[in-house]
Amino acid sequence: MMISGRQFNLPLIRAVGFTVVEIVVVLILLGILSATAMSRMISATAFSGLTLTNTFRSHAQYAAQLAQTGAGVVTLGMSVSGGVRHLHIRADGVIARHTELKLGNLTLAVDNAGTLQTVTNDVALVVQYRNSGEVGGAAVGTAVLDVDQGFEFLAQGERVHSICFYPTGYVSALAC
């Protein structure tokens, strides 16, 4: 710049900071990294045991109510086939409700007076209800359960979740 014959060298003023494009790129990268980290910290099976026990409890309550309406012989069954859990309620042999749950790796068992029976691909759990809604009988495979003492259904994934069947037909999410 020339002022009255003299030349001044003024330094160029540069803006300090980041451009909008740089900030957006960093935010996108942070989002991708956090999504990847979260998916590794929270596995798909984290809530599968809770989901199964809650669904089974609601089916048990429905079966007891259905028995009280005089729908005939009401049974609640659970079977496992290829990793899929099948819950079904039958009234006089006719399916009243059927639910399939495709959940992660779970171990299913029934504790009856200290004896643990495992529900597997070949071994199903069946609960039969009286017209009063009370549990009339139960079996895991060929093992008949002592329903007068009640029994506890356990689903173990990352945590153990359980529901308790009382002889009166009442089902609780609390341990027996």
C-alpha atoms as a PDB file:
ATOM      1  CA  MET A   1       0.000   0.000   0.000  1.00  0.00           C
ATOM      2  CA  MET A   2       1.392   3.385  -0.900  1.00  0.00           C
ATOM      3  CA  ILE A   3       0.785   6.463   1.119  1.00  0.00           C
ATOM      4  CA  SER A   4       2.576   9.622   0.088  1.00  0.00           C
ATOM      5  CA  GLY A   5       5.307   7.680  -1.624  1.00  0.00           C
ATOM      6  CA  ARG A   6       5.977   5.249   1.202  1.00  0.00           C
ATOM      7  CA  GLN A   7       5.118   1.590   1.018  1.00  0.00           C
ATOM      8  CA  PHE A   8       3.756  -0.185   4.071  1.00  0.00           C
ATOM      9  CA  ASN A   9       3.669  -3.946   4.363  1.00  0.00           C
ATOM     10  CA  LEU A  10       0.585  -4.700   6.333  1.00  0.00           C
ATOM     11  CA  PRO A  11       0.158  -8.288   7.474  1.00  0.00           C
ATOM     12  CA  LEU A  12      -2.821 -10.154   6.059  1.00  0.00           C
ATOM     13  CA  ILE A  13      -5.473 -10.808   8.656  1.00  0.00           C
ATOM     14  CA  ARG A  14      -6.468 -14.496   8.724  1.00  0.00           C
ATOM     15  CA  ALA A  15      -9.671 -15.722  10.290  1.00  0.00           C
ATOM     16  CA  VAL A  16      -9.071 -18.038  13.229  1.00  0.00           C
ATOM     17  CA  GLY A  17     -11.393 -21.042  13.689  1.00  0.00           C
ATOM     18  CA  PHE A  18     -13.001 -23.873  11.786  1.00  0.00           C
ATOM     19  CA  THR A  19     -15.199 -23.750   8.727  1.00  0.00           C
ATOM     20  CA  VAL A  20     -18.736 -25.076   8.826  1.00  0.00           C
ATOM     21  CA  VAL A  21     -17.739 -27.967   6.566  1.00  0.00           C
ATOM     22  CA  GLU A  22     -15.002 -29.051   8.976  1.00  0.00           C
ATOM     23  CA  ILE A  23     -17.387 -28.960  11.940  1.00  0.00           C
ATOM     24  CA  VAL A  24     -20.041 -30.986  10.078  1.00  0.00           C
ATOM     25  CA  VAL A  25     -17.487 -33.630   9.065  1.00  0.00           C
ATOM     26  CA  VAL A  26     -16.289 -33.982  12.681  1.00  0.00           C
ATOM     27  CA  LEU A  27     -19.877 -34.287  13.970  1.00  0.00           C
ATOM     28  CA  ILE A  28     -20.671 -36.993  11.415  1.00  0.00           C
ATOM     29  CA  LEU A  29     -17.566 -38.944  12.388  1.00  0.00           C
ATOM     30  CA  LEU A  30     -18.417 -38.640  16.092  1.00  0.00           C
ATOM     31  CA  GLY A  31     -21.937 -39.883  15.389  1.00  0.00           C
ATOM     32  CA  ILE A  32     -20.654 -42.933  13.527  1.00  0.00           C
ATOM     33  CA  LEU A  33     -18.160 -43.739  16.272  1.00  0.00           C
ATOM     34  CA  SER A  34     -20.726 -43.383  19.057  1.00  0.00           C
ATOM     35  CA  ALA A  35     -23.266 -45.561  17.212  1.00  0.00           C
ATOM     36  CA  THR A  36     -20.643 -48.258  16.753  1.00  0.00           C
ATOM     37  CA  ALA A  37     -19.603 -48.090  20.400  1.00  0.00           C
ATOM     38  CA  MET A  38     -23.203 -48.209  21.675  1.00  0.00           C
ATOM     39  CA  SER A  39     -24.063 -51.237  19.548  1.00  0.00           C
ATOM     40  CA  ARG A  40     -21.109 -53.079  21.047  1.00  0.00           C
ATOM     41  CA  MET A  41     -21.960 -52.074  24.622  1.00  0.00           C
ATOM     42  CA  ILE A  42     -25.659 -52.924  24.436  1.00  0.00           C
ATOM     43  CA  SER A  43     -26.147 -56.344  22.916  1.00  0.00           C
ATOM     44  CA  ALA A  44     -29.339 -57.516  21.272  1.00  0.00           C
ATOM     45  CA  THR A  45     -29.978 -60.049  24.038  1.00  0.00           C
ATOM     46  CA  ALA A  46     -29.793 -57.559  26.889  1.00  0.00           C
ATOM     47  CA  PHE A  47     -33.577 -57.451  27.301  1.00  0.00           C
ATOM     48  CA  SER A  48     -34.602 -60.786  25.778  1.00  0.00           C
ATOM     49  CA  GLY A  49     -35.016 -62.557  29.147  1.00  0.00           C
ATOM     50  CA  LEU A  50     -37.190 -59.762  30.474  1.00  0.00           C
ATOM     51  CA  THR A  51     -39.244 -59.721  27.286  1.00  0.00           C
ATOM     52  CA  LEU A  52     -39.838 -63.455  27.475  1.00  0.00           C
ATOM     53  CA  THR A  53     -40.814 -63.493  31.156  1.00  0.00           C
ATOM     54  CA  ASN A  54     -43.160 -60.510  30.738  1.00  0.00           C
ATOM     55  CA  THR A  55     -44.837 -62.109  27.715  1.00  0.00           C
ATOM     56  CA  PHE A  56     -45.107 -65.474  29.468  1.00  0.00           C
ATOM     57  CA  ARG A  57     -46.584 -63.814  32.567  1.00  0.00           C
ATOM     58  CA  SER A  58     -49.233 -62.018  30.508  1.00  0.00           C
ATOM     59  CA  HIS A  59     -50.105 -65.285  28.735  1.00  0.00           C
ATOM     60  CA  ALA A  60     -50.408 -67.044  32.121  1.00  0.00           C
ATOM     61  CA  GLN A  61     -52.759 -64.336  33.403  1.00  0.00           C
ATOM     62  CA  TYR A  62     -54.838 -64.556  30.231  1.00  0.00           C
ATOM     63  CA  ALA A  63     -55.017 -68.362  30.496  1.00  0.00           C
ATOM     64  CA  ALA A  64     -56.220 -68.152  34.117  1.00  0.00           C
ATOM     65  CA  GLN A  65     -58.894 -65.625  33.140  1.00  0.00           C
ATOM     66  CA  LEU A  66     -59.938 -67.748  30.179  1.00  0.00           C
ATOM     67  CA  ALA A  67     -60.335 -70.783  32.483  1.00  0.00           C
ATOM     68  CA  GLN A  68     -62.564 -68.746  34.811  1.00  0.00           C
ATOM     69  CA  THR A  69     -64.941 -67.979  31.941  1.00  0.00           C
ATOM     70  CA  GLY A  70     -65.720 -71.686  31.579  1.00  0.00           C
ATOM     71  CA  ALA A  71     -63.836 -72.130  28.306  1.00  0.00           C
ATOM     72  CA  GLY A  72     -63.196 -75.789  29.129  1.00  0.00           C
ATOM     73  CA  VAL A  73     -59.739 -77.281  29.627  1.00  0.00           C
ATOM     74  CA  VAL A  74     -57.250 -74.421  29.325  1.00  0.00           C
ATOM     75  CA  THR A  75     -53.541 -75.069  28.872  1.00  0.00           C
ATOM     76  CA  LEU A  76     -50.603 -72.728  28.579  1.00  0.00           C
ATOM     77  CA  GLY A  77     -47.629 -74.136  26.748  1.00  0.00           C
ATOM     78  CA  MET A  78     -44.124 -73.103  25.843  1.00  0.00           C
ATOM     79  CA  SER A  79     -41.947 -74.924  23.380  1.00  0.00           C
ATOM     80  CA  VAL A  80     -38.666 -74.107  21.679  1.00  0.00           C
ATOM     81  CA  SER A  81     -38.022 -74.809  18.028  1.00  0.00           C
ATOM     82  CA  GLY A  82     -34.896 -73.612  16.252  1.00  0.00           C
ATOM     83  CA  GLY A  83     -34.289 -70.748  18.678  1.00  0.00           C
ATOM     84  CA  VAL A  84     -37.899 -69.533  18.422  1.00  0.00           C
ATOM     85  CA  ARG A  85     -40.014 -69.652  21.587  1.00  0.00           C
ATOM     86  CA  HIS A  86     -43.633 -70.615  20.955  1.00  0.00           C
ATOM     87  CA  LEU A  87     -46.180 -69.570  23.586  1.00  0.00           C
ATOM     88  CA  HIS A  88     -49.673 -70.894  23.086  1.00  0.00           C
ATOM     89  CA  ILE A  89     -52.907 -70.993  25.028  1.00  0.00           C
ATOM     90  CA  ARG A  90     -55.410 -73.691  24.164  1.00  0.00           C
ATOM     91  CA  ALA A  91     -59.014 -73.907  25.278  1.00  0.00           C
ATOM     92  CA  ASP A  92     -60.498 -77.389  24.722  1.00  0.00           C
ATOM     93  CA  GLY A  93     -57.683 -78.106  22.247  1.00  0.00           C
ATOM     94  CA  VAL A  94     -58.310 -75.014  20.130  1.00  0.00           C
ATOM     95  CA  ILE A  95     -55.573 -72.388  20.027  1.00  0.00           C
ATOM     96  CA  ALA A  96     -56.855 -69.208  21.677  1.00  0.00           C
ATOM     97  CA  ARG A  97     -53.558 -67.311  21.503  1.00  0.00           C
ATOM     98  CA  HIS A  98     -50.194 -68.067  19.908  1.00  0.00           C
ATOM     99  CA  THR A  99     -47.055 -65.951  20.084  1.00  0.00           C
ATOM    100  CA  GLU A 100     -43.646 -66.555  18.553  1.00  0.00           C
ATOM    101  CA  LEU A 101     -40.634 -64.852  20.105  1.00  0.00           C
ATOM    102  CA  LYS A 102     -37.344 -64.789  18.231  1.00  0.00           C
ATOM    103  CA  LEU A 103     -34.999 -63.876  21.020  1.00  0.00           C
ATOM    104  CA  GLY A 104     -31.307 -64.245  21.612  1.00  0.00           C
ATOM    105  CA  ASN A 105     -29.490 -66.982  23.428  1.00  0.00           C
ATOM    106  CA  LEU A 106     -31.555 -67.829  26.508  1.00  0.00           C
ATOM    107  CA  THR A 107     -31.552 -70.736  28.911  1.00  0.00           C
ATOM    108  CA  LEU A 108     -35.078 -71.601  30.059  1.00  0.00           C
ATOM    109  CA  ALA A 109     -35.773 -73.617  33.185  1.00  0.00           C
ATOM    110  CA  VAL A 110     -38.431 -74.321  35.806  1.00  0.00           C
ATOM    111  CA  ASP A 111     -37.601 -74.608  39.512  1.00  0.00           C
ATOM    112  CA  ASN A 112     -40.089 -76.720  41.445  1.00  0.00           C
ATOM    113  CA  ALA A 113     -39.277 -77.396  45.109  1.00  0.00           C
ATOM    114  CA  GLY A 114     -35.550 -77.134  44.416  1.00  0.00           C
ATOM    115  CA  THR A 115     -35.608 -79.376  41.336  1.00  0.00           C
ATOM    116  CA  LEU A 116     -34.542 -77.614  38.144  1.00  0.00           C
ATOM    117  CA  GLN A 117     -36.052 -78.761  34.830  1.00  0.00           C
ATOM    118  CA  THR A 118     -34.719 -77.279  31.566  1.00  0.00           C
ATOM    119  CA  VAL A 119     -37.025 -76.276  28.702  1.00  0.00           C
ATOM    120  CA  THR A 120     -35.257 -77.197  25.445  1.00  0.00           C
ATOM    121  CA  ASN A 121     -36.090 -78.070  21.841  1.00  0.00           C
ATOM    122  CA  ASP A 122     -37.337 -81.506  22.923  1.00  0.00           C
ATOM    123  CA  VAL A 123     -38.821 -80.581  26.303  1.00  0.00           C
ATOM    124  CA  ALA A 124     -41.853 -78.302  26.563  1.00  0.00           C
ATOM    125  CA  LEU A 125     -43.519 -76.634  29.540  1.00  0.00           C
ATOM    126  CA  VAL A 126     -47.280 -77.136  29.888  1.00  0.00           C
ATOM    127  CA  VAL A 127     -49.508 -75.600  32.575  1.00  0.00           C
ATOM    128  CA  GLN A 128     -53.142 -76.656  32.921  1.00  0.00           C
ATOM    129  CA  TYR A 129     -55.778 -74.486  34.620  1.00  0.00           C
ATOM    130  CA  ARG A 130     -58.948 -75.408  36.485  1.00  0.00           C
ATOM    131  CA  ASN A 131     -62.234 -73.583  35.908  1.00  0.00           C
ATOM    132  CA  SER A 132     -61.475 -71.502  39.006  1.00  0.00           C
ATOM    133  CA  GLY A 133     -58.325 -70.158  37.338  1.00  0.00           C
ATOM    134  CA  GLU A 134     -56.096 -72.150  39.679  1.00  0.00           C
ATOM    135  CA  VAL A 135     -53.172 -74.164  38.374  1.00  0.00           C
ATOM    136  CA  GLY A 136     -54.422 -77.735  38.073  1.00  0.00           C
ATOM    137  CA  GLY A 137     -51.242 -79.360  36.822  1.00  0.00           C
ATOM    138  CA  ALA A 138     -47.928 -78.625  35.183  1.00  0.00           C
ATOM    139  CA  ALA A 139     -45.165 -80.566  33.499  1.00  0.00           C
ATOM    140  CA  VAL A 140     -41.807 -79.975  31.891  1.00  0.00           C
ATOM    141  CA  GLY A 141     -41.470 -82.724  29.319  1.00  0.00           C
ATOM    142  CA  THR A 142     -42.362 -85.921  31.174  1.00  0.00           C
ATOM    143  CA  ALA A 143     -41.528 -84.492  34.621  1.00  0.00           C
ATOM    144  CA  VAL A 144     -44.729 -83.637  36.482  1.00  0.00           C
ATOM    145  CA  LEU A 145     -44.421 -80.587  38.731  1.00  0.00           C
ATOM    146  CA  ASP A 146     -45.800 -80.319  42.271  1.00  0.00           C
ATOM    147  CA  VAL A 147     -48.195 -77.429  41.684  1.00  0.00           C
ATOM    148  CA  ASP A 148     -49.227 -77.299  45.361  1.00  0.00           C
ATOM    149  CA  GLN A 149     -45.822 -75.768  46.103  1.00  0.00           C
ATOM    150  CA  GLY A 150     -45.874 -73.439  43.132  1.00  0.00           C
ATOM    151  CA  PHE A 151     -43.004 -73.189  40.706  1.00  0.00           C
ATOM    152  CA  GLU A 152     -40.675 -70.587  39.262  1.00  0.00           C
ATOM    153  CA  PHE A 153     -39.999 -70.028  35.561  1.00  0.00           C
ATOM    154  CA  LEU A 154     -36.474 -68.762  34.830  1.00  0.00           C
ATOM    155  CA  ALA A 155     -35.071 -67.160  31.684  1.00  0.00           C
ATOM    156  CA  GLN A 156     -31.335 -66.598  31.770  1.00  0.00           C
ATOM    157  CA  GLY A 157     -29.572 -64.444  29.216  1.00  0.00           C
ATOM    158  CA  GLU A 158     -27.199 -61.757  30.404  1.00  0.00           C
ATOM    159  CA  ARG A 159     -29.306 -61.657  33.593  1.00  0.00           C
ATOM    160  CA  VAL A 160     -31.752 -64.073  35.185  1.00  0.00           C
ATOM    161  CA  HIS A 161     -35.413 -63.074  35.017  1.00  0.00           C
ATOM    162  CA  SER A 162     -38.109 -65.104  36.705  1.00  0.00           C
ATOM    163  CA  ILE A 163     -41.822 -65.337  37.326  1.00  0.00           C
ATOM    164  CA  CYS A 164     -43.522 -67.293  40.057  1.00  0.00           C
ATOM    165  CA  PHE A 165     -46.618 -69.447  39.524  1.00  0.00           C
ATOM    166  CA  TYR A 166     -48.649 -69.819  42.704  1.00  0.00           C
ATOM    167  CA  PRO A 167     -51.146 -72.694  43.154  1.00  0.00           C
ATOM    168  CA  THR A 168     -53.986 -70.154  43.117  1.00  0.00           C
ATOM    169  CA  GLY A 169     -53.157 -69.229  39.512  1.00  0.00           C
ATOM    170  CA  TYR A 170     -51.619 -65.927  40.537  1.00  0.00           C
ATOM    171  CA  VAL A 171     -48.437 -65.101  38.629  1.00  0.00           C
ATOM    172  CA  SER A 172     -45.854 -62.704  40.022  1.00  0.00           C
ATOM    173  CA  ALA A 173     -42.798 -61.085  38.496  1.00  0.00           C
ATOM    174  CA  LEU A 174     -41.102 -61.532  41.870  1.00  0.00           C
ATOM    175  CA  ALA A 175     -39.047 -64.579  42.759  1.00  0.00           C
ATOM    176  CA  CYS A 176     -40.870 -67.313  44.671  1.00  0.00           C
END
